């Protein structure tokens, strides 16, 4: 029965990891995708504007 005790932690971790990956894949896209993309685009635009103003000395 020692082999059962030795295999239990890796099996539990494999199941938990698989559940995590499935959750991540399922949460991609969907109704919030456009809102998330818009937030990222706004952050990128703001950082580009800030870097350009620093380059021009403003």
PDB file of N, CA and C in Angstrom:
ATOM      1  N   UNK A   1       0.818  -1.213   0.000  1.00  0.00           N
ATOM      2  CA  UNK A   1       0.000   0.000   0.000  1.00  0.00           C
ATOM      3  C   UNK A   1       0.851   1.261   0.000  1.00  0.00           C
ATOM      4  N   UNK A   2       2.164   1.114   0.121  1.00  0.00           N
ATOM      5  CA  UNK A   2       3.025   2.289   0.095  1.00  0.00           C
ATOM      6  C   UNK A   2       2.984   2.977  -1.268  1.00  0.00           C
ATOM      7  N   UNK A   3       2.770   2.201  -2.318  1.00  0.00           N
ATOM      8  CA  UNK A   3       2.730   2.799  -3.646  1.00  0.00           C
ATOM      9  C   UNK A   3       1.526   3.732  -3.804  1.00  0.00           C
ATOM     10  N   UNK A   4       0.423   3.436  -3.121  1.00  0.00           N
ATOM     11  CA  UNK A   4      -0.752   4.317  -3.180  1.00  0.00           C
ATOM     12  C   UNK A   4      -0.425   5.651  -2.519  1.00  0.00           C
ATOM     13  N   UNK A   5       0.238   5.603  -1.380  1.00  0.00           N
ATOM     14  CA  UNK A   5       0.623   6.826  -0.686  1.00  0.00           C
ATOM     15  C   UNK A   5       1.640   7.619  -1.495  1.00  0.00           C
ATOM     16  N   UNK A   6       2.487   6.931  -2.242  1.00  0.00           N
ATOM     17  CA  UNK A   6       3.496   7.617  -3.047  1.00  0.00           C
ATOM     18  C   UNK A   6       2.891   8.248  -4.298  1.00  0.00           C
ATOM     19  N   UNK A   7       1.851   7.652  -4.830  1.00  0.00           N
ATOM     20  CA  UNK A   7       1.248   8.166  -6.065  1.00  0.00           C
ATOM     21  C   UNK A   7       0.163   9.203  -5.827  1.00  0.00           C
ATOM     22  N   UNK A   8      -0.387   9.273  -4.638  1.00  0.00           N
ATOM     23  CA  UNK A   8      -1.498  10.188  -4.373  1.00  0.00           C
ATOM     24  C   UNK A   8      -1.134  11.656  -4.600  1.00  0.00           C
ATOM     25  N   UNK A   9      -0.041  12.193  -4.046  1.00  0.00           N
ATOM     26  CA  UNK A   9       0.250  13.618  -4.273  1.00  0.00           C
ATOM     27  C   UNK A   9       0.423  13.995  -5.755  1.00  0.00           C
ATOM     28  N   UNK A  10       1.171  13.216  -6.564  1.00  0.00           N
ATOM     29  CA  UNK A  10       1.270  13.593  -7.976  1.00  0.00           C
ATOM     30  C   UNK A  10      -0.061  13.542  -8.716  1.00  0.00           C
ATOM     31  N   UNK A  11      -0.891  12.575  -8.371  1.00  0.00           N
ATOM     32  CA  UNK A  11      -2.197  12.471  -9.029  1.00  0.00           C
ATOM     33  C   UNK A  11      -3.069  13.666  -8.651  1.00  0.00           C
ATOM     34  N   UNK A  12      -3.063  14.047  -7.390  1.00  0.00           N
ATOM     35  CA  UNK A  12      -3.853  15.195  -6.942  1.00  0.00           C
ATOM     36  C   UNK A  12      -3.357  16.468  -7.626  1.00  0.00           C
ATOM     37  N   UNK A  13      -2.041  16.639  -7.722  1.00  0.00           N
ATOM     38  CA  UNK A  13      -1.490  17.827  -8.381  1.00  0.00           C
ATOM     39  C   UNK A  13      -1.829  17.829  -9.873  1.00  0.00           C
ATOM     40  N   UNK A  14      -1.805  16.681 -10.515  1.00  0.00           N
ATOM     41  CA  UNK A  14      -2.150  16.601 -11.938  1.00  0.00           C
ATOM     42  C   UNK A  14      -3.603  16.980 -12.168  1.00  0.00           C
ATOM     43  N   UNK A  15      -4.487  16.512 -11.310  1.00  0.00           N
ATOM     44  CA  UNK A  15      -5.910  16.852 -11.433  1.00  0.00           C
ATOM     45  C   UNK A  15      -6.119  18.341 -11.192  1.00  0.00           C
ATOM     46  N   UNK A  16      -5.455  18.902 -10.186  1.00  0.00           N
ATOM     47  CA  UNK A  16      -5.593  20.328  -9.899  1.00  0.00           C
ATOM     48  C   UNK A  16      -5.042  21.172 -11.038  1.00  0.00           C
ATOM     49  N   UNK A  17      -3.906  20.777 -11.602  1.00  0.00           N
ATOM     50  CA  UNK A  17      -3.322  21.510 -12.716  1.00  0.00           C
ATOM     51  C   UNK A  17      -4.233  21.463 -13.937  1.00  0.00           C
ATOM     52  N   UNK A  18      -4.798  20.299 -14.210  1.00  0.00           N
ATOM     53  CA  UNK A  18      -5.723  20.167 -15.335  1.00  0.00           C
ATOM     54  C   UNK A  18      -6.941  21.055 -15.136  1.00  0.00           C
ATOM     55  N   UNK A  19      -7.473  21.099 -13.931  1.00  0.00           N
ATOM     56  CA  UNK A  19      -8.623  21.964 -13.648  1.00  0.00           C
ATOM     57  C   UNK A  19      -8.255  23.438 -13.837  1.00  0.00           C
ATOM     58  N   UNK A  20      -7.055  23.818 -13.414  1.00  0.00           N
ATOM     59  CA  UNK A  20      -6.604  25.199 -13.596  1.00  0.00           C
ATOM     60  C   UNK A  20      -6.512  25.553 -15.074  1.00  0.00           C
ATOM     61  N   UNK A  21      -5.930  24.689 -15.883  1.00  0.00           N
ATOM     62  CA  UNK A  21      -5.803  24.946 -17.315  1.00  0.00           C
ATOM     63  C   UNK A  21      -7.177  25.031 -17.975  1.00  0.00           C
ATOM     64  N   UNK A  22      -8.079  24.148 -17.617  1.00  0.00           N
ATOM     65  CA  UNK A  22      -9.429  24.184 -18.185  1.00  0.00           C
ATOM     66  C   UNK A  22     -10.118  25.490 -17.823  1.00  0.00           C
ATOM     67  N   UNK A  23      -9.958  25.947 -16.593  1.00  0.00           N
ATOM     68  CA  UNK A  23     -10.567  27.209 -16.168  1.00  0.00           C
ATOM     69  C   UNK A  23      -9.990  28.383 -16.945  1.00  0.00           C
ATOM     70  N   UNK A  24      -8.680  28.398 -17.132  1.00  0.00           N
ATOM     71  CA  UNK A  24      -8.042  29.482 -17.877  1.00  0.00           C
ATOM     72  C   UNK A  24      -8.529  29.493 -19.323  1.00  0.00           C
ATOM     73  N   UNK A  25      -8.592  28.333 -19.951  1.00  0.00           N
ATOM     74  CA  UNK A  25      -9.015  28.264 -21.345  1.00  0.00           C
ATOM     75  C   UNK A  25     -10.473  28.691 -21.480  1.00  0.00           C
ATOM     76  N   UNK A  26     -11.326  28.276 -20.566  1.00  0.00           N
ATOM     77  CA  UNK A  26     -12.743  28.640 -20.637  1.00  0.00           C
ATOM     78  C   UNK A  26     -12.965  30.130 -20.400  1.00  0.00           C
ATOM     79  N   UNK A  27     -12.087  30.774 -19.631  1.00  0.00           N
ATOM     80  CA  UNK A  27     -12.302  32.192 -19.334  1.00  0.00           C
ATOM     81  C   UNK A  27     -11.773  33.108 -20.429  1.00  0.00           C
ATOM     82  N   UNK A  28     -11.087  32.538 -21.422  1.00  0.00           N
ATOM     83  CA  UNK A  28     -10.610  33.356 -22.540  1.00  0.00           C
ATOM     84  C   UNK A  28     -11.783  33.668 -23.458  1.00  0.00           C
ATOM     85  N   UNK A  29     -11.811  34.898 -23.949  1.00  0.00           N
ATOM     86  CA  UNK A  29     -12.892  35.283 -24.846  1.00  0.00           C
ATOM     87  C   UNK A  29     -14.166  35.541 -24.074  1.00  0.00           C
ATOM     88  N   UNK A  30     -15.283  35.291 -24.705  1.00  0.00           N
ATOM     89  CA  UNK A  30     -16.562  35.487 -24.042  1.00  0.00           C
ATOM     90  C   UNK A  30     -17.003  36.934 -24.058  1.00  0.00           C
ATOM     91  N   UNK A  31     -18.019  37.266 -23.269  1.00  0.00           N
ATOM     92  CA  UNK A  31     -18.591  38.610 -23.302  1.00  0.00           C
ATOM     93  C   UNK A  31     -17.662  39.698 -22.770  1.00  0.00           C
ATOM     94  N   UNK A  32     -16.705  39.347 -21.929  1.00  0.00           N
ATOM     95  CA  UNK A  32     -15.818  40.366 -21.361  1.00  0.00           C
ATOM     96  C   UNK A  32     -14.575  40.612 -22.214  1.00  0.00           C
ATOM     97  N   UNK A  33     -14.407  39.872 -23.302  1.00  0.00           N
ATOM     98  CA  UNK A  33     -13.196  39.995 -24.111  1.00  0.00           C
ATOM     99  C   UNK A  33     -13.040  41.403 -24.681  1.00  0.00           C
ATOM    100  N   UNK A  34     -14.090  41.982 -25.213  1.00  0.00           N
ATOM    101  CA  UNK A  34     -14.004  43.319 -25.804  1.00  0.00           C
ATOM    102  C   UNK A  34     -13.648  44.350 -24.745  1.00  0.00           C
ATOM    103  N   UNK A  35     -14.224  44.215 -23.560  1.00  0.00           N
ATOM    104  CA  UNK A  35     -13.935  45.157 -22.479  1.00  0.00           C
ATOM    105  C   UNK A  35     -12.484  45.027 -22.027  1.00  0.00           C
ATOM    106  N   UNK A  36     -11.976  43.798 -21.923  1.00  0.00           N
ATOM    107  CA  UNK A  36     -10.586  43.581 -21.529  1.00  0.00           C
ATOM    108  C   UNK A  36      -9.637  44.116 -22.594  1.00  0.00           C
ATOM    109  N   UNK A  37      -9.955  43.860 -23.864  1.00  0.00           N
ATOM    110  CA  UNK A  37      -9.108  44.351 -24.953  1.00  0.00           C
ATOM    111  C   UNK A  37      -9.074  45.877 -24.970  1.00  0.00           C
ATOM    112  N   UNK A  38     -10.210  46.517 -24.734  1.00  0.00           N
ATOM    113  CA  UNK A  38     -10.257  47.975 -24.720  1.00  0.00           C
ATOM    114  C   UNK A  38      -9.419  48.530 -23.574  1.00  0.00           C
ATOM    115  N   UNK A  39      -9.444  47.883 -22.429  1.00  0.00           N
ATOM    116  CA  UNK A  39      -8.649  48.349 -21.287  1.00  0.00           C
ATOM    117  C   UNK A  39      -7.161  48.229 -21.586  1.00  0.00           C
ATOM    118  N   UNK A  40      -6.750  47.138 -22.209  1.00  0.00           N
ATOM    119  CA  UNK A  40      -5.341  46.953 -22.561  1.00  0.00           C
ATOM    120  C   UNK A  40      -4.919  47.966 -23.616  1.00  0.00           C
ATOM    121  N   UNK A  41      -5.768  48.192 -24.609  1.00  0.00           N
ATOM    122  CA  UNK A  41      -5.447  49.177 -25.646  1.00  0.00           C
ATOM    123  C   UNK A  41      -5.302  50.572 -25.047  1.00  0.00           C
ATOM    124  N   UNK A  42      -6.142  50.918 -24.084  1.00  0.00           N
ATOM    125  CA  UNK A  42      -6.051  52.226 -23.439  1.00  0.00           C
ATOM    126  C   UNK A  42      -4.750  52.363 -22.664  1.00  0.00           C
ATOM    127  N   UNK A  43      -4.344  51.318 -21.964  1.00  0.00           N
ATOM    128  CA  UNK A  43      -3.077  51.359 -21.231  1.00  0.00           C
ATOM    129  C   UNK A  43      -1.878  51.491 -22.169  1.00  0.00           C
ATOM    130  N   UNK A  44      -1.925  50.780 -23.277  1.00  0.00           N
ATOM    131  CA  UNK A  44      -0.826  50.863 -24.251  1.00  0.00           C
ATOM    132  C   UNK A  44      -0.762  52.261 -24.842  1.00  0.00           C
ATOM    133  N   UNK A  45      -1.902  52.817 -25.204  1.00  0.00           N
ATOM    134  CA  UNK A  45      -1.918  54.163 -25.777  1.00  0.00           C
ATOM    135  C   UNK A  45      -1.407  55.186 -24.779  1.00  0.00           C
ATOM    136  N   UNK A  46      -1.787  55.027 -23.507  1.00  0.00           N
ATOM    137  CA  UNK A  46      -1.333  55.972 -22.492  1.00  0.00           C
ATOM    138  C   UNK A  46       0.176  55.870 -22.286  1.00  0.00           C
ATOM    139  N   UNK A  47       0.708  54.656 -22.290  1.00  0.00           N
ATOM    140  CA  UNK A  47       2.148  54.502 -22.098  1.00  0.00           C
ATOM    141  C   UNK A  47       2.922  55.022 -23.310  1.00  0.00           C
ATOM    142  N   UNK A  48       2.385  54.833 -24.513  1.00  0.00           N
ATOM    143  CA  UNK A  48       3.045  55.368 -25.709  1.00  0.00           C
ATOM    144  C   UNK A  48       3.035  56.892 -25.695  1.00  0.00           C
ATOM    145  N   UNK A  49       1.941  57.485 -25.270  1.00  0.00           N
ATOM    146  CA  UNK A  49       1.853  58.943 -25.188  1.00  0.00           C
ATOM    147  C   UNK A  49       2.842  59.479 -24.165  1.00  0.00           C
ATOM    148  N   UNK A  50       2.968  58.813 -23.049  1.00  0.00           N
ATOM    149  CA  UNK A  50       3.890  59.258 -22.005  1.00  0.00           C
ATOM    150  C   UNK A  50       5.332  59.141 -22.481  1.00  0.00           C
ATOM    151  N   UNK A  51       5.665  58.065 -23.186  1.00  0.00           N
ATOM    152  CA  UNK A  51       7.040  57.902 -23.660  1.00  0.00           C
ATOM    153  C   UNK A  51       7.370  58.906 -24.751  1.00  0.00           C
ATOM    154  N   UNK A  52       6.395  59.256 -25.591  1.00  0.00           N
ATOM    155  CA  UNK A  52       6.624  60.259 -26.629  1.00  0.00           C
ATOM    156  C   UNK A  52       6.816  61.640 -26.027  1.00  0.00           C
ATOM    157  N   UNK A  53       6.056  61.957 -24.990  1.00  0.00           N
ATOM    158  CA  UNK A  53       6.205  63.274 -24.374  1.00  0.00           C
ATOM    159  C   UNK A  53       7.537  63.393 -23.669  1.00  0.00           C
ATOM    160  N   UNK A  54       8.043  62.312 -23.096  1.00  0.00           N
ATOM    161  CA  UNK A  54       9.359  62.342 -22.482  1.00  0.00           C
ATOM    162  C   UNK A  54      10.449  62.499 -23.528  1.00  0.00           C
ATOM    163  N   UNK A  55      10.257  61.880 -24.679  1.00  0.00           N
ATOM    164  CA  UNK A  55      11.254  61.957 -25.753  1.00  0.00           C
ATOM    165  C   UNK A  55      11.336  63.358 -26.329  1.00  0.00           C
ATOM    166  N   UNK A  56      10.208  64.072 -26.326  1.00  0.00           N
ATOM    167  CA  UNK A  56      10.185  65.436 -26.866  1.00  0.00           C
ATOM    168  C   UNK A  56      10.463  66.477 -25.799  1.00  0.00           C
ATOM    169  N   UNK A  57      10.660  66.058 -24.578  1.00  0.00           N
ATOM    170  CA  UNK A  57      10.984  66.983 -23.500  1.00  0.00           C
ATOM    171  C   UNK A  57       9.817  67.801 -22.994  1.00  0.00           C
ATOM    172  N   UNK A  58       8.617  67.312 -23.165  1.00  0.00           N
ATOM    173  CA  UNK A  58       7.440  68.048 -22.712  1.00  0.00           C
ATOM    174  C   UNK A  58       7.089  67.659 -21.308  1.00  0.00           C
TER     175      UNK A  58
END
